[in-house]
């Protein structure tokens, strides 16, 4: 049995779908929430509700578990998971020790560092440090920006472009480089890591086959969605002001503060890393974007639904969080 945290996030849903389709036993760990949670429909898995701060509940969730996939949902509407992530990871490690679960795969971020000035990368670095100091058979996968159907990066970018006529303001990020990673390639690496004991104790960076500046990246996204906008540089102080206003006024901001952290630090690694570690030729950005951005969509209405996400959830994807474990 494989226990997966944050299965209601964009990456978590892709992982659950692939593992379930491969007939691997999966248990989804759901956090208690007053909001609807989304899981992939039509796939067999079990669910259990447990707070990451509740050690007895975590120990119950780990019954008959042989491996843990620890993800963190950066698409959490309230962004609460990020602020408790280091302690959540420590609790997960403690529960694994007490129940005898040795294998743990952690999906982190490139540039994770416990001394980083940016909270997103500092939280990831603290979680990585806790794993390295543990006696678990861990593997850390450090992913770049990940994209695909349902992501909160490329999709939201198009929503914003459609909502703003003629131009699309961009923050200043002249020195940063980005290496977007197709979600299905990431899932393949996660599954291969589960299957290979030779990766125990290693930290592996993961990225796509191309490096982009921010302008190049955004241009490819807009071209795939067939949206024409003039890109305009916006001073950092104005970007910060808009981000703060959105967070203050909207139920769910389309421009979370963590985006500024990623823009400041960048997200790129060696172009050959996927081939070296997993024998995978990663998918090209432009080839994958068109598969889900090219079809016509009501982008402006999607943006409204996004910012009101607590109230607009597809019922077919909704999951309840009620202990004990239940079959879905």
Protein backbone atom coordinates (compact mmCIF):
# COMPACT_ATOMS: atom_id res chain seq x y z
CA UNK A 1 0.00 0.00 0.00
CA UNK A 2 1.29 3.46 -0.95
CA UNK A 3 0.24 6.41 1.21
CA UNK A 4 0.12 9.74 -0.64
CA UNK A 5 -0.18 13.16 0.97
CA UNK A 6 -1.83 16.10 -0.81
CA UNK A 7 -3.68 13.91 -3.27
CA UNK A 8 -6.18 16.69 -3.97
CA UNK A 9 -3.57 18.95 -5.56
CA UNK A 10 -2.73 19.17 -9.26
CA UNK A 11 0.29 16.87 -9.02
CA UNK A 12 -1.30 14.60 -6.42
CA UNK A 13 -4.29 13.87 -8.66
CA UNK A 14 -1.96 12.97 -11.55
CA UNK A 15 0.05 10.61 -9.31
CA UNK A 16 -3.06 8.89 -7.92
CA UNK A 17 -4.53 8.46 -11.38
CA UNK A 18 -1.37 6.83 -12.77
CA UNK A 19 -0.79 4.53 -9.80
CA UNK A 20 -4.43 3.45 -9.66
CA UNK A 21 -4.47 2.75 -13.40
CA UNK A 22 -1.39 0.58 -12.89
CA UNK A 23 -3.40 -1.32 -10.23
CA UNK A 24 -1.05 -0.30 -7.43
CA UNK A 25 -2.82 -0.05 -4.04
CA UNK A 26 -3.15 3.62 -3.09
CA UNK A 27 -4.35 5.35 0.08
CA UNK A 28 -5.05 9.07 -0.15
CA UNK A 29 -4.39 11.10 2.98
CA UNK A 30 -6.92 13.95 3.12
CA UNK A 31 -6.57 16.90 5.46
CA UNK A 32 -9.71 17.94 7.36
CA UNK A 33 -11.13 20.92 5.47
CA UNK A 34 -14.30 22.96 5.36
CA UNK A 35 -13.84 23.26 1.60
CA UNK A 36 -14.53 20.61 -1.05
CA UNK A 37 -11.50 18.55 -2.02
CA UNK A 38 -10.88 17.17 -5.48
CA UNK A 39 -9.72 13.68 -6.41
CA UNK A 40 -9.54 12.06 -9.87
CA UNK A 41 -12.88 10.44 -10.74
CA UNK A 42 -13.19 6.90 -12.02
CA UNK A 43 -10.06 5.52 -10.34
CA UNK A 44 -9.96 2.99 -7.46
CA UNK A 45 -8.27 4.12 -4.25
CA UNK A 46 -8.98 4.37 -0.53
CA UNK A 47 -9.06 7.58 1.48
CA UNK A 48 -8.43 8.42 5.09
CA UNK A 49 -8.86 11.73 6.88
CA UNK A 50 -6.03 12.83 9.16
CA UNK A 51 -4.55 16.14 10.22
CA UNK A 52 -0.79 16.28 9.73
CA UNK A 53 -0.54 17.44 13.34
CA UNK A 54 -2.41 14.37 14.66
CA UNK A 55 0.18 11.63 15.24
CA UNK A 56 -2.31 8.90 16.27
CA UNK A 57 -4.33 9.55 13.09
CA UNK A 58 -1.16 9.46 10.98
CA UNK A 59 -0.17 6.14 12.56
CA UNK A 60 -3.61 4.76 11.68
CA UNK A 61 -3.21 6.00 8.11
CA UNK A 62 0.07 4.07 7.84
CA UNK A 63 -1.38 0.64 8.62
CA UNK A 64 -0.27 -1.84 5.91
CA UNK A 65 1.67 0.94 4.15
CA UNK A 66 5.03 0.07 2.54
CA UNK A 67 5.94 3.48 1.08
CA UNK A 68 4.96 7.13 1.46
CA UNK A 69 4.83 9.75 -1.29
CA UNK A 70 5.01 13.12 0.44
CA UNK A 71 3.74 15.99 -1.69
CA UNK A 72 2.88 19.56 -0.75
CA UNK A 73 0.01 21.34 -2.44
CA UNK A 74 1.22 24.75 -3.55
CA UNK A 75 -2.19 25.14 -5.20
CA UNK A 76 -3.86 25.17 -1.76
CA UNK A 77 -6.38 28.07 -1.98
CA UNK A 78 -5.47 29.30 1.51
CA UNK A 79 -1.72 28.56 1.23
CA UNK A 80 -1.90 27.21 4.78
CA UNK A 81 -0.06 23.97 3.98
CA UNK A 82 3.13 25.85 3.09
CA UNK A 83 3.39 27.52 6.50
CA UNK A 84 3.08 24.26 8.45
CA UNK A 85 5.00 22.14 5.95
CA UNK A 86 8.24 21.69 7.90
CA UNK A 87 6.41 20.57 11.06
CA UNK A 88 4.00 18.43 9.02
CA UNK A 89 6.99 16.64 7.48
CA UNK A 90 8.56 16.09 10.90
CA UNK A 91 5.28 14.57 12.14
CA UNK A 92 5.07 12.32 9.09
CA UNK A 93 8.63 11.11 9.71
CA UNK A 94 7.86 10.39 13.38
CA UNK A 95 4.71 8.44 12.51
CA UNK A 96 6.64 6.45 9.88
CA UNK A 97 9.31 5.54 12.43
CA UNK A 98 6.72 4.41 14.97
CA UNK A 99 4.85 2.22 12.46
CA UNK A 100 7.94 0.78 10.75
CA UNK A 101 7.41 2.38 7.34
CA UNK A 102 10.92 2.89 5.97
CA UNK A 103 10.48 4.18 2.39
CA UNK A 104 9.58 7.83 1.86
CA UNK A 105 9.78 9.82 -1.36
CA UNK A 106 9.56 13.57 -0.96
CA UNK A 107 8.65 15.90 -3.82
CA UNK A 108 10.51 19.12 -3.15
CA UNK A 109 11.49 22.15 -5.22
CA UNK A 110 14.67 23.24 -6.93
CA UNK A 111 16.57 25.80 -4.84
CA UNK A 112 15.12 24.44 -1.59
CA UNK A 113 17.35 25.71 1.21
CA UNK A 114 16.63 25.98 4.94
CA UNK A 115 18.54 29.31 5.02
CA UNK A 116 16.73 30.85 2.04
CA UNK A 117 15.35 34.37 2.41
CA UNK A 118 12.16 33.17 0.66
CA UNK A 119 9.68 31.23 2.76
CA UNK A 120 8.65 28.82 -0.03
CA UNK A 121 12.22 27.58 -0.45
CA UNK A 122 13.03 27.75 3.25
CA UNK A 123 10.05 25.52 4.15
CA UNK A 124 11.13 23.00 1.52
CA UNK A 125 14.72 23.13 2.76
CA UNK A 126 13.66 22.49 6.35
CA UNK A 127 11.61 19.47 5.24
CA UNK A 128 14.58 18.12 3.26
CA UNK A 129 16.87 18.56 6.27
CA UNK A 130 14.46 16.63 8.50
CA UNK A 131 14.50 13.73 6.06
CA UNK A 132 18.29 13.67 5.75
CA UNK A 133 18.59 13.60 9.54
CA UNK A 134 16.12 10.70 9.82
CA UNK A 135 16.82 6.99 9.53
CA UNK A 136 14.23 6.51 6.75
CA UNK A 137 15.01 5.23 3.27
CA UNK A 138 14.27 8.56 1.63
CA UNK A 139 14.63 10.00 -1.86
CA UNK A 140 14.20 13.71 -2.51
CA UNK A 141 13.01 14.81 -5.95
CA UNK A 142 13.55 18.53 -6.55
CA UNK A 143 11.18 19.59 -9.33
CA UNK A 144 11.12 22.76 -11.38
CA UNK A 145 7.85 24.53 -12.24
CA UNK A 146 5.43 21.76 -13.21
CA UNK A 147 2.67 22.31 -15.74
CA UNK A 148 -0.25 20.42 -17.27
CA UNK A 149 -4.07 20.31 -17.39
CA UNK A 150 -5.43 21.82 -14.19
CA UNK A 151 -2.23 23.53 -13.07
CA UNK A 152 -2.33 26.95 -11.38
CA UNK A 153 0.47 28.38 -13.51
CA UNK A 154 -0.14 28.15 -17.25
CA UNK A 155 -3.93 28.02 -16.94
CA UNK A 156 -4.11 31.04 -14.62
CA UNK A 157 -1.67 32.92 -16.84
CA UNK A 158 -4.04 32.53 -19.79
CA UNK A 159 -7.03 33.48 -17.63
CA UNK A 160 -5.28 36.72 -16.64
CA UNK A 161 -4.26 37.45 -20.22
CA UNK A 162 -7.86 37.05 -21.40
CA UNK A 163 -9.11 39.29 -18.58
CA UNK A 164 -6.68 42.13 -19.41
CA UNK A 165 -7.10 43.69 -22.89
CA UNK A 166 -4.21 44.37 -25.27
CA UNK A 167 -1.29 44.01 -22.84
CA UNK A 168 -0.08 41.59 -20.18
CA UNK A 169 2.05 43.12 -17.40
CA UNK A 170 5.01 41.00 -16.31
CA UNK A 171 7.18 41.35 -13.20
CA UNK A 172 10.88 42.03 -13.66
CA UNK A 173 12.82 38.75 -13.72
CA UNK A 174 15.63 39.43 -16.19
CA UNK A 175 18.24 37.10 -14.70
CA UNK A 176 15.95 34.20 -13.72
CA UNK A 177 15.71 31.11 -15.92
CA UNK A 178 12.90 28.56 -15.96
CA UNK A 179 12.78 24.94 -17.05
CA UNK A 180 9.10 23.83 -17.02
CA UNK A 181 8.43 20.13 -16.44
CA UNK A 182 5.46 18.24 -17.93
CA UNK A 183 3.43 16.71 -15.10
CA UNK A 184 3.28 13.25 -16.70
CA UNK A 185 7.09 13.19 -16.94
CA UNK A 186 7.27 14.05 -13.25
CA UNK A 187 4.82 11.27 -12.39
CA UNK A 188 6.95 8.81 -14.40
CA UNK A 189 10.00 9.79 -12.34
CA UNK A 190 8.07 9.35 -9.09
CA UNK A 191 6.94 5.84 -10.08
CA UNK A 192 10.45 4.86 -11.20
CA UNK A 193 11.77 6.10 -7.86
CA UNK A 194 9.30 3.83 -6.06
CA UNK A 195 10.65 0.89 -8.04
CA UNK A 196 14.39 1.57 -7.61
CA UNK A 197 16.16 1.03 -4.29
CA UNK A 198 19.34 2.43 -5.84
CA UNK A 199 17.93 5.94 -5.45
CA UNK A 200 17.62 5.71 -1.66
CA UNK A 201 19.45 8.52 0.10
CA UNK A 202 19.74 10.65 -3.03
CA UNK A 203 18.55 14.15 -3.92
CA UNK A 204 17.67 14.39 -7.61
CA UNK A 205 16.88 17.62 -9.51
CA UNK A 206 14.22 17.33 -12.20
CA UNK A 207 13.46 19.67 -15.09
CA UNK A 208 12.28 19.87 -18.67
CA UNK A 209 14.43 19.92 -21.83
CA UNK A 210 14.58 23.72 -22.30
CA UNK A 211 15.60 26.87 -20.46
CA UNK A 212 13.47 30.02 -20.83
CA UNK A 213 13.46 33.60 -19.67
CA UNK A 214 10.15 34.71 -18.19
CA UNK A 215 9.20 36.53 -21.42
CA UNK A 216 10.00 33.47 -23.54
CA UNK A 217 8.00 31.22 -21.26
CA UNK A 218 4.95 33.48 -21.21
CA UNK A 219 5.12 33.97 -24.97
CA UNK A 220 4.92 30.20 -25.54
CA UNK A 221 1.95 29.90 -23.18
CA UNK A 222 0.04 32.66 -24.94
CA UNK A 223 0.84 31.27 -28.39
CA UNK A 224 -0.44 27.83 -27.37
CA UNK A 225 -3.70 29.41 -26.15
CA UNK A 226 -3.93 31.59 -29.29
CA UNK A 227 -3.97 34.77 -27.23
CA UNK A 228 -2.21 37.87 -28.53
CA UNK A 229 -0.97 40.33 -25.92
CA UNK A 230 1.89 42.80 -25.74
CA UNK A 231 4.15 41.95 -22.80
CA UNK A 232 4.91 44.97 -20.64
CA UNK A 233 7.48 45.05 -17.83
CA UNK A 234 6.11 46.14 -14.47
CA UNK A 235 8.28 47.55 -11.62
CA UNK A 236 8.69 45.20 -8.66
CA UNK A 237 7.10 47.60 -6.18
CA UNK A 238 3.95 47.75 -8.33
CA UNK A 239 3.91 43.97 -8.71
CA UNK A 240 4.12 43.60 -4.94
CA UNK A 241 1.29 46.09 -4.46
CA UNK A 242 -1.00 44.21 -6.85
CA UNK A 243 -0.20 40.86 -5.24
CA UNK A 244 -0.99 42.31 -1.79
CA UNK A 245 -4.26 43.82 -3.01
CA UNK A 246 -5.39 40.56 -4.63
CA UNK A 247 -4.63 38.62 -1.45
CA UNK A 248 -6.54 41.17 0.61
CA UNK A 249 -9.62 41.51 -1.61
CA UNK A 250 -10.16 38.15 -3.33
CA UNK A 251 -11.29 34.83 -1.80
CA UNK A 252 -8.49 33.16 -3.77
CA UNK A 253 -5.75 35.17 -5.41
CA UNK A 254 -4.65 34.31 -8.98
CA UNK A 255 -1.20 35.74 -8.18
CA UNK A 256 -0.02 34.15 -4.91
CA UNK A 257 2.99 35.59 -3.13
CA UNK A 258 5.00 32.42 -3.79
CA UNK A 259 5.11 33.37 -7.49
CA UNK A 260 7.31 36.32 -6.54
CA UNK A 261 9.65 33.94 -4.68
CA UNK A 262 9.97 31.71 -7.75
CA UNK A 263 10.54 34.72 -10.04
CA UNK A 264 13.26 36.02 -7.74
CA UNK A 265 15.12 32.71 -7.48
CA UNK A 266 14.36 31.07 -10.83
CA UNK A 267 13.72 27.38 -11.47
CA UNK A 268 16.28 25.63 -13.67
CA UNK A 269 18.81 22.81 -13.48
CA UNK A 270 20.91 20.65 -15.84
CA UNK A 271 19.05 19.89 -19.07
CA UNK A 272 20.25 16.27 -19.00
CA UNK A 273 19.17 15.36 -15.48
CA UNK A 274 16.05 13.35 -16.48
CA UNK A 275 18.06 11.32 -18.98
CA UNK A 276 20.90 10.73 -16.53
CA UNK A 277 18.79 9.54 -13.59
CA UNK A 278 15.75 7.97 -15.24
CA UNK A 279 16.52 7.44 -18.93
CA UNK A 280 13.65 9.78 -19.83
CA UNK A 281 13.63 12.30 -22.66
CA UNK A 282 11.39 15.02 -21.18
CA UNK A 283 8.57 16.49 -23.24
CA UNK A 284 8.97 19.85 -24.96
CA UNK A 285 7.03 22.74 -23.48
CA UNK A 286 5.30 23.89 -26.68
CA UNK A 287 4.27 20.36 -27.67
CA UNK A 288 2.45 19.75 -24.38
CA UNK A 289 0.90 23.18 -23.95
CA UNK A 290 -1.23 22.88 -27.09
CA UNK A 291 -2.84 19.65 -25.84
CA UNK A 292 -4.81 21.53 -23.17
CA UNK A 293 -4.54 25.27 -23.91
CA UNK A 294 -5.44 25.27 -27.61
CA UNK A 295 -9.11 24.14 -27.30
CA UNK A 296 -11.54 27.03 -26.90
CA UNK A 297 -12.55 27.71 -23.30
CA UNK A 298 -14.47 30.41 -21.42
CA UNK A 299 -11.25 31.74 -19.88
CA UNK A 300 -12.79 34.81 -18.23
CA UNK A 301 -15.49 32.71 -16.60
CA UNK A 302 -12.81 30.23 -15.53
CA UNK A 303 -10.95 33.07 -13.82
CA UNK A 304 -14.07 34.04 -11.90
CA UNK A 305 -14.57 30.44 -10.82
CA UNK A 306 -10.93 30.23 -9.82
CA UNK A 307 -11.00 33.23 -7.49
CA UNK A 308 -14.27 31.90 -6.02
CA UNK A 309 -12.93 28.34 -5.93
CA UNK A 310 -14.26 27.68 -2.42
CA UNK A 311 -17.77 27.87 -3.83
CA UNK A 312 -17.37 26.45 -7.35
CA UNK A 313 -16.13 22.86 -7.38
CA UNK A 314 -16.87 20.16 -9.91
CA UNK A 315 -19.06 17.68 -7.96
CA UNK A 316 -17.56 14.77 -9.92
CA UNK A 317 -14.17 15.54 -8.36
CA UNK A 318 -15.35 16.26 -4.84
CA UNK A 319 -14.02 14.11 -2.00
CA UNK A 320 -15.22 14.00 1.58
CA UNK A 321 -12.93 13.82 4.58
CA UNK A 322 -14.55 11.58 7.13
CA UNK A 323 -12.64 9.06 9.26
CA UNK A 324 -12.18 6.17 9.21
CA UNK A 325 -10.74 5.09 5.85
CA UNK A 326 -13.31 4.63 3.14
CA UNK A 327 -13.35 3.16 -0.33
CA UNK A 328 -14.07 5.48 -3.26
